[in-house]
């Protein structure tokens, strides 16, 4: 069983930056495919960025060039560096991990981009 705990959300002005963290426990993050999803009110949950076990990355078109996903397997932690934030980035951000057929979700962290 894997537990995922997000942190780093908050209120930021447009154009600002935040870094989200996702700490994994119960399994080494090195063996996991990990990702960030987000869900805004009234919208479906959408994939923001993902990182494979061999550290290949992929991003939603809406965040390419602004967000960067990374992982530190020594700390069992995944990160999402978010720059040039826009009001439309406002959402609850969820950490996700998978291994074979197993799936795990974090509880989510709120990111609000507003002046």
PDB file of N, CA and C in Angstrom:
ATOM      1  N   UNK A   1       0.848  -1.195   0.000  1.00  0.00           N
ATOM      2  CA  UNK A   1       0.000   0.000   0.000  1.00  0.00           C
ATOM      3  C   UNK A   1       0.882   1.243   0.000  1.00  0.00           C
ATOM      4  N   UNK A   2       0.532   2.196  -0.835  1.00  0.00           N
ATOM      5  CA  UNK A   2       1.288   3.440  -0.954  1.00  0.00           C
ATOM      6  C   UNK A   2       0.441   4.582  -0.421  1.00  0.00           C
ATOM      7  N   UNK A   3       1.033   5.417   0.396  1.00  0.00           N
ATOM      8  CA  UNK A   3       0.363   6.628   0.850  1.00  0.00           C
ATOM      9  C   UNK A   3       1.049   7.829   0.192  1.00  0.00           C
ATOM     10  N   UNK A   4       0.233   8.763  -0.267  1.00  0.00           N
ATOM     11  CA  UNK A   4       0.737   9.959  -0.937  1.00  0.00           C
ATOM     12  C   UNK A   4       0.227  11.191  -0.212  1.00  0.00           C
ATOM     13  N   UNK A   5       1.126  12.103   0.103  1.00  0.00           N
ATOM     14  CA  UNK A   5       0.746  13.326   0.806  1.00  0.00           C
ATOM     15  C   UNK A   5       1.292  14.522   0.046  1.00  0.00           C
ATOM     16  N   UNK A   6       0.365  15.379  -0.415  1.00  0.00           N
ATOM     17  CA  UNK A   6       0.773  16.588  -1.141  1.00  0.00           C
ATOM     18  C   UNK A   6       0.968  17.752  -0.179  1.00  0.00           C
ATOM     19  N   UNK A   7       1.794  18.681  -0.600  1.00  0.00           N
ATOM     20  CA  UNK A   7       1.972  19.936   0.129  1.00  0.00           C
ATOM     21  C   UNK A   7       2.439  21.002  -0.855  1.00  0.00           C
ATOM     22  N   UNK A   8       2.359  22.262  -0.405  1.00  0.00           N
ATOM     23  CA  UNK A   8       2.885  23.355  -1.212  1.00  0.00           C
ATOM     24  C   UNK A   8       1.849  24.201  -1.911  1.00  0.00           C
ATOM     25  N   UNK A   9       0.590  23.842  -1.801  1.00  0.00           N
ATOM     26  CA  UNK A   9      -0.447  24.656  -2.426  1.00  0.00           C
ATOM     27  C   UNK A   9      -0.644  25.963  -1.683  1.00  0.00           C
ATOM     28  N   UNK A  10      -1.459  26.849  -2.273  1.00  0.00           N
ATOM     29  CA  UNK A  10      -1.738  28.118  -1.624  1.00  0.00           C
ATOM     30  C   UNK A  10      -2.280  29.138  -2.602  1.00  0.00           C
ATOM     31  N   UNK A  11      -2.268  30.385  -2.159  1.00  0.00           N
ATOM     32  CA  UNK A  11      -2.749  31.511  -2.965  1.00  0.00           C
ATOM     33  C   UNK A  11      -1.550  32.240  -3.557  1.00  0.00           C
ATOM     34  N   UNK A  12      -1.600  32.491  -4.848  1.00  0.00           N
ATOM     35  CA  UNK A  12      -0.508  33.186  -5.521  1.00  0.00           C
ATOM     36  C   UNK A  12      -1.091  34.125  -6.562  1.00  0.00           C
ATOM     37  N   UNK A  13      -0.405  35.217  -6.818  1.00  0.00           N
ATOM     38  CA  UNK A  13      -0.858  36.173  -7.823  1.00  0.00           C
ATOM     39  C   UNK A  13      -0.537  35.661  -9.233  1.00  0.00           C
ATOM     40  N   UNK A  14      -1.296  36.103 -10.217  1.00  0.00           N
ATOM     41  CA  UNK A  14      -0.966  35.738 -11.604  1.00  0.00           C
ATOM     42  C   UNK A  14       0.479  36.096 -11.932  1.00  0.00           C
ATOM     43  N   UNK A  15       1.153  35.182 -12.635  1.00  0.00           N
ATOM     44  CA  UNK A  15       2.562  35.362 -12.953  1.00  0.00           C
ATOM     45  C   UNK A  15       3.501  34.809 -11.905  1.00  0.00           C
ATOM     46  N   UNK A  16       2.957  34.418 -10.772  1.00  0.00           N
ATOM     47  CA  UNK A  16       3.790  33.897  -9.688  1.00  0.00           C
ATOM     48  C   UNK A  16       4.129  32.429  -9.857  1.00  0.00           C
ATOM     49  N   UNK A  17       4.815  31.896  -8.843  1.00  0.00           N
ATOM     50  CA  UNK A  17       5.279  30.511  -8.876  1.00  0.00           C
ATOM     51  C   UNK A  17       4.920  29.798  -7.587  1.00  0.00           C
ATOM     52  N   UNK A  18       4.754  28.493  -7.713  1.00  0.00           N
ATOM     53  CA  UNK A  18       4.585  27.602  -6.567  1.00  0.00           C
ATOM     54  C   UNK A  18       5.293  26.298  -6.880  1.00  0.00           C
ATOM     55  N   UNK A  19       5.713  25.597  -5.830  1.00  0.00           N
ATOM     56  CA  UNK A  19       6.239  24.253  -6.005  1.00  0.00           C
ATOM     57  C   UNK A  19       5.451  23.296  -5.126  1.00  0.00           C
ATOM     58  N   UNK A  20       4.823  22.338  -5.771  1.00  0.00           N
ATOM     59  CA  UNK A  20       4.096  21.296  -5.057  1.00  0.00           C
ATOM     60  C   UNK A  20       5.015  20.111  -4.803  1.00  0.00           C
ATOM     61  N   UNK A  21       4.799  19.452  -3.671  1.00  0.00           N
ATOM     62  CA  UNK A  21       5.541  18.247  -3.333  1.00  0.00           C
ATOM     63  C   UNK A  21       4.556  17.114  -3.070  1.00  0.00           C
ATOM     64  N   UNK A  22       4.983  15.902  -3.381  1.00  0.00           N
ATOM     65  CA  UNK A  22       4.198  14.708  -3.094  1.00  0.00           C
ATOM     66  C   UNK A  22       5.128  13.692  -2.459  1.00  0.00           C
ATOM     67  N   UNK A  23       4.933  13.445  -1.168  1.00  0.00           N
ATOM     68  CA  UNK A  23       5.759  12.492  -0.442  1.00  0.00           C
ATOM     69  C   UNK A  23       5.086  11.129  -0.455  1.00  0.00           C
ATOM     70  N   UNK A  24       5.824  10.124  -0.893  1.00  0.00           N
ATOM     71  CA  UNK A  24       5.307   8.762  -0.956  1.00  0.00           C
ATOM     72  C   UNK A  24       5.864   7.937   0.189  1.00  0.00           C
ATOM     73  N   UNK A  25       5.023   7.103   0.756  1.00  0.00           N
ATOM     74  CA  UNK A  25       5.470   6.169   1.786  1.00  0.00           C
ATOM     75  C   UNK A  25       4.816   4.816   1.535  1.00  0.00           C
ATOM     76  N   UNK A  26       5.445   3.783   2.047  1.00  0.00           N
ATOM     77  CA  UNK A  26       4.924   2.437   1.858  1.00  0.00           C
ATOM     78  C   UNK A  26       5.558   1.717   0.684  1.00  0.00           C
ATOM     79  N   UNK A  27       6.246   2.468  -0.162  1.00  0.00           N
ATOM     80  CA  UNK A  27       6.941   1.865  -1.288  1.00  0.00           C
ATOM     81  C   UNK A  27       7.949   2.868  -1.806  1.00  0.00           C
ATOM     82  N   UNK A  28       9.037   2.375  -2.367  1.00  0.00           N
ATOM     83  CA  UNK A  28      10.002   3.281  -2.984  1.00  0.00           C
ATOM     84  C   UNK A  28       9.380   3.943  -4.207  1.00  0.00           C
ATOM     85  N   UNK A  29       9.539   5.242  -4.304  1.00  0.00           N
ATOM     86  CA  UNK A  29       8.980   5.959  -5.453  1.00  0.00           C
ATOM     87  C   UNK A  29       9.684   5.577  -6.750  1.00  0.00           C
ATOM     88  N   UNK A  30      10.855   4.975  -6.643  1.00  0.00           N
ATOM     89  CA  UNK A  30      11.613   4.626  -7.840  1.00  0.00           C
ATOM     90  C   UNK A  30      10.871   3.620  -8.708  1.00  0.00           C
ATOM     91  N   UNK A  31      10.027   2.809  -8.110  1.00  0.00           N
ATOM     92  CA  UNK A  31       9.311   1.793  -8.882  1.00  0.00           C
ATOM     93  C   UNK A  31       7.952   2.232  -9.367  1.00  0.00           C
ATOM     94  N   UNK A  32       7.623   3.493  -9.156  1.00  0.00           N
ATOM     95  CA  UNK A  32       6.285   3.990  -9.452  1.00  0.00           C
ATOM     96  C   UNK A  32       6.276   4.902 -10.665  1.00  0.00           C
ATOM     97  N   UNK A  33       5.231   4.797 -11.454  1.00  0.00           N
ATOM     98  CA  UNK A  33       4.907   5.874 -12.377  1.00  0.00           C
ATOM     99  C   UNK A  33       4.123   6.888 -11.568  1.00  0.00           C
ATOM    100  N   UNK A  34       4.469   8.171 -11.688  1.00  0.00           N
ATOM    101  CA  UNK A  34       3.814   9.194 -10.870  1.00  0.00           C
ATOM    102  C   UNK A  34       3.331  10.334 -11.750  1.00  0.00           C
ATOM    103  N   UNK A  35       2.343  11.032 -11.248  1.00  0.00           N
ATOM    104  CA  UNK A  35       1.740  12.102 -12.044  1.00  0.00           C
ATOM    105  C   UNK A  35       1.055  13.122 -11.145  1.00  0.00           C
ATOM    106  N   UNK A  36       0.791  14.262 -11.717  1.00  0.00           N
ATOM    107  CA  UNK A  36      -0.047  15.293 -11.106  1.00  0.00           C
ATOM    108  C   UNK A  36      -1.293  15.458 -11.955  1.00  0.00           C
ATOM    109  N   UNK A  37      -2.431  15.471 -11.294  1.00  0.00           N
ATOM    110  CA  UNK A  37      -3.714  15.784 -11.907  1.00  0.00           C
ATOM    111  C   UNK A  37      -4.265  17.011 -11.214  1.00  0.00           C
ATOM    112  N   UNK A  38      -5.247  17.647 -11.846  1.00  0.00           N
ATOM    113  CA  UNK A  38      -5.936  18.751 -11.201  1.00  0.00           C
ATOM    114  C   UNK A  38      -7.410  18.726 -11.557  1.00  0.00           C
ATOM    115  N   UNK A  39      -8.192  19.314 -10.675  1.00  0.00           N
ATOM    116  CA  UNK A  39      -9.626  19.385 -10.891  1.00  0.00           C
ATOM    117  C   UNK A  39     -10.136  20.731 -10.415  1.00  0.00           C
ATOM    118  N   UNK A  40     -10.678  21.493 -11.355  1.00  0.00           N
ATOM    119  CA  UNK A  40     -11.301  22.771 -11.041  1.00  0.00           C
ATOM    120  C   UNK A  40     -12.794  22.544 -10.821  1.00  0.00           C
ATOM    121  N   UNK A  41     -13.448  23.439 -10.071  1.00  0.00           N
ATOM    122  CA  UNK A  41     -14.890  23.279  -9.819  1.00  0.00           C
ATOM    123  C   UNK A  41     -15.676  23.151 -11.117  1.00  0.00           C
ATOM    124  N   UNK A  42     -16.514  22.140 -11.196  1.00  0.00           N
ATOM    125  CA  UNK A  42     -17.340  21.934 -12.375  1.00  0.00           C
ATOM    126  C   UNK A  42     -16.650  21.242 -13.522  1.00  0.00           C
ATOM    127  N   UNK A  43     -15.366  20.939 -13.355  1.00  0.00           N
ATOM    128  CA  UNK A  43     -14.598  20.298 -14.426  1.00  0.00           C
ATOM    129  C   UNK A  43     -14.208  18.880 -14.032  1.00  0.00           C
ATOM    130  N   UNK A  44     -13.873  18.089 -15.052  1.00  0.00           N
ATOM    131  CA  UNK A  44     -13.349  16.760 -14.787  1.00  0.00           C
ATOM    132  C   UNK A  44     -11.889  16.853 -14.361  1.00  0.00           C
ATOM    133  N   UNK A  45     -11.437  15.825 -13.649  1.00  0.00           N
ATOM    134  CA  UNK A  45     -10.032  15.765 -13.279  1.00  0.00           C
ATOM    135  C   UNK A  45      -9.203  15.557 -14.546  1.00  0.00           C
ATOM    136  N   UNK A  46      -8.117  16.322 -14.673  1.00  0.00           N
ATOM    137  CA  UNK A  46      -7.302  16.243 -15.871  1.00  0.00           C
ATOM    138  C   UNK A  46      -5.836  16.021 -15.526  1.00  0.00           C
ATOM    139  N   UNK A  47      -5.144  15.342 -16.425  1.00  0.00           N
ATOM    140  CA  UNK A  47      -3.722  15.090 -16.249  1.00  0.00           C
ATOM    141  C   UNK A  47      -2.946  16.369 -16.531  1.00  0.00           C
ATOM    142  N   UNK A  48      -2.068  16.727 -15.615  1.00  0.00           N
ATOM    143  CA  UNK A  48      -1.224  17.913 -15.775  1.00  0.00           C
ATOM    144  C   UNK A  48       0.160  17.511 -16.275  1.00  0.00           C
ATOM    145  N   UNK A  49       0.775  16.545 -15.599  1.00  0.00           N
ATOM    146  CA  UNK A  49       2.125  16.117 -15.952  1.00  0.00           C
ATOM    147  C   UNK A  49       2.360  14.727 -15.376  1.00  0.00           C
ATOM    148  N   UNK A  50       3.211  13.964 -16.037  1.00  0.00           N
ATOM    149  CA  UNK A  50       3.539  12.635 -15.544  1.00  0.00           C
ATOM    150  C   UNK A  50       5.016  12.346 -15.744  1.00  0.00           C
ATOM    151  N   UNK A  51       5.522  11.459 -14.899  1.00  0.00           N
ATOM    152  CA  UNK A  51       6.922  11.068 -14.972  1.00  0.00           C
ATOM    153  C   UNK A  51       6.993   9.553 -14.803  1.00  0.00           C
ATOM    154  N   UNK A  52       7.707   8.920 -15.716  1.00  0.00           N
ATOM    155  CA  UNK A  52       7.767   7.465 -15.704  1.00  0.00           C
ATOM    156  C   UNK A  52       8.857   6.978 -14.755  1.00  0.00           C
ATOM    157  N   UNK A  53       8.966   5.642 -14.647  1.00  0.00           N
ATOM    158  CA  UNK A  53       9.993   5.055 -13.788  1.00  0.00           C
ATOM    159  C   UNK A  53      11.400   5.356 -14.302  1.00  0.00           C
ATOM    160  N   UNK A  54      11.514   5.662 -15.592  1.00  0.00           N
ATOM    161  CA  UNK A  54      12.824   5.998 -16.147  1.00  0.00           C
ATOM    162  C   UNK A  54      12.944   7.506 -16.375  1.00  0.00           C
ATOM    163  N   UNK A  55      12.052   8.263 -15.710  1.00  0.00           N
ATOM    164  CA  UNK A  55      12.110   9.729 -15.674  1.00  0.00           C
ATOM    165  C   UNK A  55      11.799  10.404 -17.006  1.00  0.00           C
ATOM    166  N   UNK A  56      11.112   9.712 -17.898  1.00  0.00           N
ATOM    167  CA  UNK A  56      10.587  10.426 -19.053  1.00  0.00           C
ATOM    168  C   UNK A  56       9.351  11.199 -18.607  1.00  0.00           C
ATOM    169  N   UNK A  57       9.150  12.374 -19.176  1.00  0.00           N
ATOM    170  CA  UNK A  57       8.078  13.255 -18.725  1.00  0.00           C
ATOM    171  C   UNK A  57       7.144  13.622 -19.875  1.00  0.00           C
ATOM    172  N   UNK A  58       5.946  14.004 -19.483  1.00  0.00           N
ATOM    173  CA  UNK A  58       4.934  14.421 -20.455  1.00  0.00           C
ATOM    174  C   UNK A  58       4.048  15.456 -19.782  1.00  0.00           C
ATOM    175  N   UNK A  59       3.580  16.429 -20.568  1.00  0.00           N
ATOM    176  CA  UNK A  59       2.808  17.535 -20.014  1.00  0.00           C
ATOM    177  C   UNK A  59       1.545  17.786 -20.829  1.00  0.00           C
ATOM    178  N   UNK A  60       0.526  18.290 -20.157  1.00  0.00           N
ATOM    179  CA  UNK A  60      -0.640  18.804 -20.855  1.00  0.00           C
ATOM    180  C   UNK A  60      -0.222  20.041 -21.646  1.00  0.00           C
ATOM    181  N   UNK A  61      -0.845  20.226 -22.801  1.00  0.00           N
ATOM    182  CA  UNK A  61      -0.486  21.373 -23.642  1.00  0.00           C
ATOM    183  C   UNK A  61      -0.639  22.695 -22.893  1.00  0.00           C
ATOM    184  N   UNK A  62      -1.610  22.762 -22.006  1.00  0.00           N
ATOM    185  CA  UNK A  62      -1.906  24.013 -21.312  1.00  0.00           C
ATOM    186  C   UNK A  62      -0.814  24.439 -20.340  1.00  0.00           C
ATOM    187  N   UNK A  63       0.089  23.516 -19.968  1.00  0.00           N
ATOM    188  CA  UNK A  63       1.125  23.855 -18.990  1.00  0.00           C
ATOM    189  C   UNK A  63       2.535  23.723 -19.550  1.00  0.00           C
ATOM    190  N   UNK A  64       2.674  23.272 -20.795  1.00  0.00           N
ATOM    191  CA  UNK A  64       4.001  23.108 -21.388  1.00  0.00           C
ATOM    192  C   UNK A  64       4.756  24.429 -21.376  1.00  0.00           C
ATOM    193  N   UNK A  65       6.017  24.356 -20.970  1.00  0.00           N
ATOM    194  CA  UNK A  65       6.852  25.545 -20.904  1.00  0.00           C
ATOM    195  C   UNK A  65       6.708  26.340 -19.628  1.00  0.00           C
ATOM    196  N   UNK A  66       5.708  26.010 -18.802  1.00  0.00           N
ATOM    197  CA  UNK A  66       5.492  26.726 -17.540  1.00  0.00           C
ATOM    198  C   UNK A  66       5.683  25.819 -16.327  1.00  0.00           C
ATOM    199  N   UNK A  67       5.301  24.564 -16.448  1.00  0.00           N
ATOM    200  CA  UNK A  67       5.384  23.613 -15.339  1.00  0.00           C
ATOM    201  C   UNK A  67       6.503  22.609 -15.608  1.00  0.00           C
ATOM    202  N   UNK A  68       7.082  22.104 -14.514  1.00  0.00           N
ATOM    203  CA  UNK A  68       8.130  21.100 -14.628  1.00  0.00           C
ATOM    204  C   UNK A  68       7.937  20.046 -13.542  1.00  0.00           C
ATOM    205  N   UNK A  69       7.876  18.777 -13.958  1.00  0.00           N
ATOM    206  CA  UNK A  69       7.720  17.681 -13.013  1.00  0.00           C
ATOM    207  C   UNK A  69       9.075  17.017 -12.807  1.00  0.00           C
ATOM    208  N   UNK A  70       9.343  16.611 -11.575  1.00  0.00           N
ATOM    209  CA  UNK A  70      10.607  15.944 -11.265  1.00  0.00           C
ATOM    210  C   UNK A  70      10.393  15.031 -10.063  1.00  0.00           C
ATOM    211  N   UNK A  71      11.391  14.212  -9.785  1.00  0.00           N
ATOM    212  CA  UNK A  71      11.300  13.318  -8.640  1.00  0.00           C
ATOM    213  C   UNK A  71      12.663  13.164  -8.012  1.00  0.00           C
ATOM    214  N   UNK A  72      12.668  12.909  -6.719  1.00  0.00           N
ATOM    215  CA  UNK A  72      13.885  12.635  -5.960  1.00  0.00           C
ATOM    216  C   UNK A  72      13.632  11.295  -5.263  1.00  0.00           C
ATOM    217  N   UNK A  73      14.127  10.236  -5.859  1.00  0.00           N
ATOM    218  CA  UNK A  73      13.844   8.903  -5.313  1.00  0.00           C
ATOM    219  C   UNK A  73      14.511   8.678  -3.961  1.00  0.00           C
ATOM    220  N   UNK A  74      15.594   9.381  -3.699  1.00  0.00           N
ATOM    221  CA  UNK A  74      16.240   9.250  -2.385  1.00  0.00           C
ATOM    222  C   UNK A  74      15.325   9.780  -1.279  1.00  0.00           C
ATOM    223  N   UNK A  75      14.493  10.742  -1.614  1.00  0.00           N
ATOM    224  CA  UNK A  75      13.544  11.321  -0.657  1.00  0.00           C
ATOM    225  C   UNK A  75      12.130  10.776  -0.849  1.00  0.00           C
ATOM    226  N   UNK A  76      11.943   9.871  -1.830  1.00  0.00           N
ATOM    227  CA  UNK A  76      10.601   9.350  -2.142  1.00  0.00           C
ATOM    228  C   UNK A  76       9.612  10.481  -2.373  1.00  0.00           C
ATOM    229  N   UNK A  77      10.033  11.474  -3.111  1.00  0.00           N
ATOM    230  CA  UNK A  77       9.221  12.667  -3.298  1.00  0.00           C
ATOM    231  C   UNK A  77       9.190  13.077  -4.770  1.00  0.00           C
ATOM    232  N   UNK A  78       8.011  13.504  -5.203  1.00  0.00           N
ATOM    233  CA  UNK A  78       7.827  14.055  -6.545  1.00  0.00           C
ATOM    234  C   UNK A  78       7.472  15.530  -6.403  1.00  0.00           C
ATOM    235  N   UNK A  79       7.856  16.316  -7.394  1.00  0.00           N
ATOM    236  CA  UNK A  79       7.623  17.755  -7.339  1.00  0.00           C
ATOM    237  C   UNK A  79       6.917  18.228  -8.609  1.00  0.00           C
ATOM    238  N   UNK A  80       6.239  19.371  -8.467  1.00  0.00           N
ATOM    239  CA  UNK A  80       5.710  20.075  -9.629  1.00  0.00           C
ATOM    240  C   UNK A  80       6.049  21.544  -9.442  1.00  0.00           C
ATOM    241  N   UNK A  81       7.002  22.024 -10.224  1.00  0.00           N
ATOM    242  CA  UNK A  81       7.354  23.438 -10.218  1.00  0.00           C
ATOM    243  C   UNK A  81       6.429  24.152 -11.193  1.00  0.00           C
ATOM    244  N   UNK A  82       5.692  25.111 -10.687  1.00  0.00           N
ATOM    245  CA  UNK A  82       4.715  25.830 -11.505  1.00  0.00           C
ATOM    246  C   UNK A  82       5.118  27.295 -11.593  1.00  0.00           C
ATOM    247  N   UNK A  83       5.413  27.747 -12.781  1.00  0.00           N
ATOM    248  CA  UNK A  83       5.809  29.139 -13.026  1.00  0.00           C
ATOM    249  C   UNK A  83       4.783  29.823 -13.922  1.00  0.00           C
ATOM    250  N   UNK A  84       4.845  31.135 -13.948  1.00  0.00           N
ATOM    251  CA  UNK A  84       3.942  31.931 -14.798  1.00  0.00           C
ATOM    252  C   UNK A  84       2.495  31.484 -14.616  1.00  0.00           C
ATOM    253  N   UNK A  85       2.084  31.373 -13.377  1.00  0.00           N
ATOM    254  CA  UNK A  85       0.750  30.859 -13.089  1.00  0.00           C
ATOM    255  C   UNK A  85      -0.340  31.797 -13.583  1.00  0.00           C
ATOM    256  N   UNK A  86      -1.431  31.189 -14.029  1.00  0.00           N
ATOM    257  CA  UNK A  86      -2.574  31.917 -14.573  1.00  0.00           C
ATOM    258  C   UNK A  86      -3.814  31.600 -13.733  1.00  0.00           C
ATOM    259  N   UNK A  87      -4.811  32.480 -13.753  1.00  0.00           N
ATOM    260  CA  UNK A  87      -6.043  32.194 -13.004  1.00  0.00           C
ATOM    261  C   UNK A  87      -6.657  30.846 -13.395  1.00  0.00           C
ATOM    262  N   UNK A  88      -6.509  30.452 -14.648  1.00  0.00           N
ATOM    263  CA  UNK A  88      -7.095  29.178 -15.081  1.00  0.00           C
ATOM    264  C   UNK A  88      -6.344  27.962 -14.549  1.00  0.00           C
ATOM    265  N   UNK A  89      -5.224  28.175 -13.870  1.00  0.00           N
ATOM    266  CA  UNK A  89      -4.532  27.075 -13.202  1.00  0.00           C
ATOM    267  C   UNK A  89      -5.144  26.776 -11.833  1.00  0.00           C
ATOM    268  N   UNK A  90      -6.069  27.592 -11.396  1.00  0.00           N
ATOM    269  CA  UNK A  90      -6.722  27.382 -10.110  1.00  0.00           C
ATOM    270  C   UNK A  90      -7.461  26.047 -10.095  1.00  0.00           C
ATOM    271  N   UNK A  91      -7.134  25.212  -9.110  1.00  0.00           N
ATOM    272  CA  UNK A  91      -7.719  23.881  -9.026  1.00  0.00           C
ATOM    273  C   UNK A  91      -7.191  23.194  -7.771  1.00  0.00           C
ATOM    274  N   UNK A  92      -7.776  22.049  -7.464  1.00  0.00           N
ATOM    275  CA  UNK A  92      -7.170  21.137  -6.497  1.00  0.00           C
ATOM    276  C   UNK A  92      -6.219  20.233  -7.271  1.00  0.00           C
ATOM    277  N   UNK A  93      -4.986  20.162  -6.819  1.00  0.00           N
ATOM    278  CA  UNK A  93      -3.965  19.353  -7.484  1.00  0.00           C
ATOM    279  C   UNK A  93      -3.774  18.053  -6.696  1.00  0.00           C
ATOM    280  N   UNK A  94      -3.810  16.952  -7.433  1.00  0.00           N
ATOM    281  CA  UNK A  94      -3.716  15.630  -6.832  1.00  0.00           C
ATOM    282  C   UNK A  94      -2.453  14.924  -7.308  1.00  0.00           C
ATOM    283  N   UNK A  95      -1.799  14.260  -6.377  1.00  0.00           N
ATOM    284  CA  UNK A  95      -0.689  13.375  -6.679  1.00  0.00           C
ATOM    285  C   UNK A  95      -1.248  11.996  -6.988  1.00  0.00           C
ATOM    286  N   UNK A  96      -0.660  11.333  -7.971  1.00  0.00           N
ATOM    287  CA  UNK A  96      -1.098  10.010  -8.411  1.00  0.00           C
ATOM    288  C   UNK A  96       0.121   9.133  -8.594  1.00  0.00           C
ATOM    289  N   UNK A  97      -0.028   7.864  -8.227  1.00  0.00           N
ATOM    290  CA  UNK A  97       1.038   6.890  -8.442  1.00  0.00           C
ATOM    291  C   UNK A  97       0.434   5.573  -8.895  1.00  0.00           C
ATOM    292  N   UNK A  98       1.181   4.846  -9.710  1.00  0.00           N
ATOM    293  CA  UNK A  98       0.708   3.546 -10.163  1.00  0.00           C
ATOM    294  C   UNK A  98       1.878   2.591 -10.315  1.00  0.00           C
ATOM    295  N   UNK A  99       1.551   1.299 -10.141  1.00  0.00           N
ATOM    296  CA  UNK A  99       2.532   0.241 -10.342  1.00  0.00           C
ATOM    297  C   UNK A  99       1.761  -1.002 -10.748  1.00  0.00           C
ATOM    298  N   UNK A 100       2.052  -1.494 -11.928  1.00  0.00           N
ATOM    299  CA  UNK A 100       1.279  -2.604 -12.500  1.00  0.00           C
ATOM    300  C   UNK A 100      -0.196  -2.189 -12.510  1.00  0.00           C
ATOM    301  N   UNK A 101      -1.085  -2.923 -11.857  1.00  0.00           N
ATOM    302  CA  UNK A 101      -2.509  -2.603 -11.885  1.00  0.00           C
ATOM    303  C   UNK A 101      -2.961  -1.791 -10.689  1.00  0.00           C
ATOM    304  N   UNK A 102      -2.061  -1.479  -9.792  1.00  0.00           N
ATOM    305  CA  UNK A 102      -2.434  -0.729  -8.584  1.00  0.00           C
ATOM    306  C   UNK A 102      -2.379   0.771  -8.831  1.00  0.00           C
ATOM    307  N   UNK A 103      -3.310   1.496  -8.219  1.00  0.00           N
ATOM    308  CA  UNK A 103      -3.409   2.960  -8.358  1.00  0.00           C
ATOM    309  C   UNK A 103      -3.573   3.568  -6.976  1.00  0.00           C
ATOM    310  N   UNK A 104      -2.950   4.748  -6.761  1.00  0.00           N
ATOM    311  CA  UNK A 104      -3.091   5.460  -5.507  1.00  0.00           C
ATOM    312  C   UNK A 104      -3.219   6.948  -5.760  1.00  0.00           C
ATOM    313  N   UNK A 105      -3.978   7.625  -4.909  1.00  0.00           N
ATOM    314  CA  UNK A 105      -4.188   9.049  -5.010  1.00  0.00           C
ATOM    315  C   UNK A 105      -3.871   9.717  -3.673  1.00  0.00           C
ATOM    316  N   UNK A 106      -3.378  10.940  -3.759  1.00  0.00           N
ATOM    317  CA  UNK A 106      -3.250  11.767  -2.569  1.00  0.00           C
ATOM    318  C   UNK A 106      -4.565  12.466  -2.281  1.00  0.00           C
ATOM    319  N   UNK A 107      -4.585  13.255  -1.204  1.00  0.00           N
ATOM    320  CA  UNK A 107      -5.820  13.902  -0.780  1.00  0.00           C
ATOM    321  C   UNK A 107      -6.058  15.223  -1.500  1.00  0.00           C
ATOM    322  N   UNK A 108      -5.044  15.739  -2.165  1.00  0.00           N
ATOM    323  CA  UNK A 108      -5.180  16.972  -2.925  1.00  0.00           C
ATOM    324  C   UNK A 108      -4.710  18.197  -2.164  1.00  0.00           C
ATOM    325  N   UNK A 109      -4.250  19.181  -2.905  1.00  0.00           N
ATOM    326  CA  UNK A 109      -3.847  20.468  -2.326  1.00  0.00           C
ATOM    327  C   UNK A 109      -4.379  21.580  -3.223  1.00  0.00           C
ATOM    328  N   UNK A 110      -4.947  22.609  -2.593  1.00  0.00           N
ATOM    329  CA  UNK A 110      -5.591  23.690  -3.344  1.00  0.00           C
ATOM    330  C   UNK A 110      -4.552  24.681  -3.846  1.00  0.00           C
ATOM    331  N   UNK A 111      -4.662  25.019  -5.112  1.00  0.00           N
ATOM    332  CA  UNK A 111      -3.873  26.097  -5.708  1.00  0.00           C
ATOM    333  C   UNK A 111      -4.846  27.137  -6.235  1.00  0.00           C
ATOM    334  N   UNK A 112      -4.693  28.363  -5.760  1.00  0.00           N
ATOM    335  CA  UNK A 112      -5.555  29.461  -6.195  1.00  0.00           C
ATOM    336  C   UNK A 112      -4.686  30.569  -6.767  1.00  0.00           C
ATOM    337  N   UNK A 113      -4.959  30.948  -7.997  1.00  0.00           N
ATOM    338  CA  UNK A 113      -4.216  32.010  -8.669  1.00  0.00           C
ATOM    339  C   UNK A 113      -5.164  33.193  -8.844  1.00  0.00           C
ATOM    340  N   UNK A 114      -4.911  34.236  -8.083  1.00  0.00           N
ATOM    341  CA  UNK A 114      -5.820  35.375  -8.087  1.00  0.00           C
ATOM    342  C   UNK A 114      -5.092  36.610  -7.599  1.00  0.00           C
ATOM    343  N   UNK A 115      -5.510  37.768  -8.128  1.00  0.00           N
ATOM    344  CA  UNK A 115      -4.957  39.027  -7.656  1.00  0.00           C
ATOM    345  C   UNK A 115      -5.833  39.615  -6.553  1.00  0.00           C
TER     346      UNK A 115
END
